[in-house]
Structures are given as C-alpha cells and as structure tokens.
Amino acid sequence: MAAPNLIGASTALGKSSGTVLTTTNTTTILNNPASSGKCLKINTFNVANYGASTTTVTVSLYTQANAGGIQLHIVGNASVPAGSTFCVIDRSGQYYLEENTSVGAIAANANVLTVTCSYEEIS
C-alpha cells in the first residue's frame, strides 16, 4: 500500500517514544514498516546525555525499515555535553517517514544517551 494522502488523511494520532542507547551499534528509534498504510511525521527528536562527560551521537534516516538500506545522516557525530539535551529535529524542520523507512541513532558511548521522539501517525 502507498503512503496515505496527507490531505485526505482520516486519522492523525500524536505519539511519543523514547529509548536509552545501550550499545554503540545502530538502534532503531522510529520504524515505519512496509505496507503499514501510515506516514509518520517527526515533530521533535531530542538526545539527552545523562553521563559524566561529553559524547557524540549520529542520527540518520534509513531508506528501509529496521535501520536498513542507505544511511542518510541527519546529524553526524554531534557532541552532546554531559547533563544537556541536544535538539536534532524540531517543528521548524520536520521529517516524514514513508512506508519501509526508519530513523536510527548511534552513540559513541553506551548507556549515557537517551533519545525521545514526538511524532504523528497519519493514516
């Protein structure tokens, strides 16, 4: 099924999700599987560092679900100081996830970064 026509959408649900980046490998943050019949509109995407020192994060759009396909950097190796939050996406620069696409994050250090995401599920 193709992504829904945003003008004729019948449902737009506000949602939030989050996770701790427990590894230095890619973690899928938001996933829109193939044939979902949905479009996911990312409104905000934040990375908080609750560790004792600065670390870096890479956030990417992936051309396939589950952080597959081509990795397209939204931000690469961005420094996140200890005790601070880095805004990767805000309402002035939203992203749409079509079917079979995803967003993932890679932390330089495990277990010190938390990612939160606010989005709309449109169908």
Protein backbone atom coordinates (compact mmCIF):
# COMPACT_ATOMS: atom_id res chain seq x y z
CA MET A 1 0.00 0.00 0.00
CA ALA A 2 1.21 3.52 -0.75
CA ALA A 3 1.66 6.20 1.89
CA PRO A 4 -1.62 7.99 2.67
CA ASN A 5 -2.57 11.27 1.03
CA LEU A 6 -1.97 13.81 3.80
CA ILE A 7 -4.86 16.00 2.58
CA GLY A 8 -7.32 13.10 2.77
CA ALA A 9 -5.98 11.50 5.95
CA SER A 10 -8.66 10.20 8.28
CA THR A 11 -6.52 9.76 11.39
CA ALA A 12 -3.60 11.68 12.90
CA LEU A 13 -2.52 10.34 16.28
CA GLY A 14 0.02 12.19 18.43
CA LYS A 15 2.61 9.85 19.90
CA SER A 16 5.89 9.92 21.79
CA SER A 17 8.55 7.28 22.23
CA GLY A 18 12.00 7.01 23.68
CA THR A 19 14.84 4.69 24.48
CA VAL A 20 18.29 4.53 26.03
CA LEU A 21 21.11 3.90 23.56
CA THR A 22 22.51 0.83 25.33
CA THR A 23 25.01 -0.03 22.61
CA THR A 24 27.38 1.70 20.20
CA ASN A 25 25.65 -0.06 17.30
CA THR A 26 22.70 1.40 15.41
CA THR A 27 19.48 1.48 17.44
CA THR A 28 16.22 1.85 15.53
CA ILE A 29 14.30 4.73 17.13
CA LEU A 30 11.28 5.01 14.87
CA ASN A 31 10.22 2.42 12.33
CA ASN A 32 7.56 2.53 9.61
CA PRO A 33 7.30 -0.97 8.17
CA ALA A 34 6.40 -1.76 4.58
CA SER A 35 2.64 -1.93 3.94
CA SER A 36 1.82 -0.08 7.18
CA GLY A 37 -0.57 2.25 5.37
CA LYS A 38 0.82 5.06 7.52
CA CYS A 39 3.06 8.09 7.30
CA LEU A 40 4.98 9.10 10.42
CA LYS A 41 5.64 12.83 10.81
CA ILE A 42 8.51 13.50 13.23
CA ASN A 43 7.93 16.77 15.09
CA THR A 44 10.74 16.64 17.66
CA PHE A 45 13.75 14.41 18.22
CA ASN A 46 15.99 15.03 21.24
CA VAL A 47 19.09 13.35 22.64
CA ALA A 48 19.86 13.78 26.35
CA ASN A 49 23.25 12.98 27.90
CA TYR A 50 22.91 11.81 31.49
CA GLY A 51 26.56 10.72 31.67
CA ALA A 52 29.54 12.44 33.29
CA SER A 53 31.30 13.54 30.09
CA THR A 54 30.61 14.76 26.57
CA THR A 55 29.82 12.09 24.00
CA THR A 56 28.71 12.08 20.37
CA VAL A 57 25.64 10.84 18.53
CA THR A 58 24.79 10.19 14.90
CA VAL A 59 21.13 10.24 13.85
CA SER A 60 20.15 9.02 10.40
CA LEU A 61 17.20 8.42 8.13
CA TYR A 62 17.31 4.92 6.64
CA THR A 63 15.80 4.10 3.26
CA GLN A 64 14.40 0.82 4.62
CA ALA A 65 12.64 -0.27 7.80
CA ASN A 66 14.65 -1.50 10.81
CA ALA A 67 17.63 0.77 10.04
CA GLY A 68 18.23 -0.95 6.72
CA GLY A 69 19.15 0.29 3.29
CA ILE A 70 21.06 3.52 2.76
CA GLN A 71 22.00 5.60 5.82
CA LEU A 72 21.29 9.32 5.28
CA HIS A 73 22.75 11.39 8.10
CA ILE A 74 20.51 13.96 9.74
CA VAL A 75 23.33 14.81 12.13
CA GLY A 76 26.73 13.10 12.28
CA ASN A 77 29.00 12.82 15.31
CA ALA A 78 27.26 15.69 17.11
CA SER A 79 28.68 16.49 20.55
CA VAL A 80 26.23 16.21 23.44
CA PRO A 81 27.72 17.73 26.62
CA ALA A 82 27.15 15.96 29.95
CA GLY A 83 23.88 16.94 31.59
CA SER A 84 22.44 18.55 28.46
CA THR A 85 19.91 17.86 25.73
CA PHE A 86 20.63 18.22 22.02
CA CYS A 87 17.67 19.00 19.73
CA VAL A 88 18.14 17.12 16.47
CA ILE A 89 14.71 17.84 14.92
CA ASP A 90 12.21 20.47 15.93
CA ARG A 91 8.94 21.72 14.45
CA SER A 92 10.77 24.04 12.06
CA GLY A 93 12.35 21.07 10.22
CA GLN A 94 10.06 18.05 10.43
CA TYR A 95 10.70 14.73 8.71
CA TYR A 96 8.17 12.34 7.18
CA LEU A 97 8.77 8.59 7.32
CA GLU A 98 7.10 6.87 4.41
CA GLU A 99 6.40 3.16 4.46
CA ASN A 100 9.53 0.98 4.68
CA THR A 101 11.73 3.72 6.17
CA SER A 102 13.18 4.31 9.65
CA VAL A 103 15.27 6.57 11.85
CA GLY A 104 18.18 5.24 13.87
CA ALA A 105 20.83 6.56 16.24
CA ILE A 106 24.40 5.56 17.04
CA ALA A 107 26.05 6.57 20.33
CA ALA A 108 29.80 6.85 20.78
CA ASN A 109 29.38 5.56 24.34
CA ALA A 110 26.76 3.08 25.51
CA ASN A 111 24.29 3.75 28.33
CA VAL A 112 24.71 7.55 28.59
CA LEU A 113 22.30 8.88 25.95
CA THR A 114 18.50 8.87 25.97
CA VAL A 115 16.55 9.58 22.81
CA THR A 116 12.99 10.93 22.82
CA CYS A 117 10.82 11.49 19.79
CA SER A 118 7.43 13.14 19.31
CA TYR A 119 5.59 12.22 16.14
CA GLU A 120 2.24 11.93 14.40
CA GLU A 121 0.96 8.65 12.99
CA ILE A 122 -1.07 9.61 9.93
CA SER A 123 -3.38 7.23 8.05
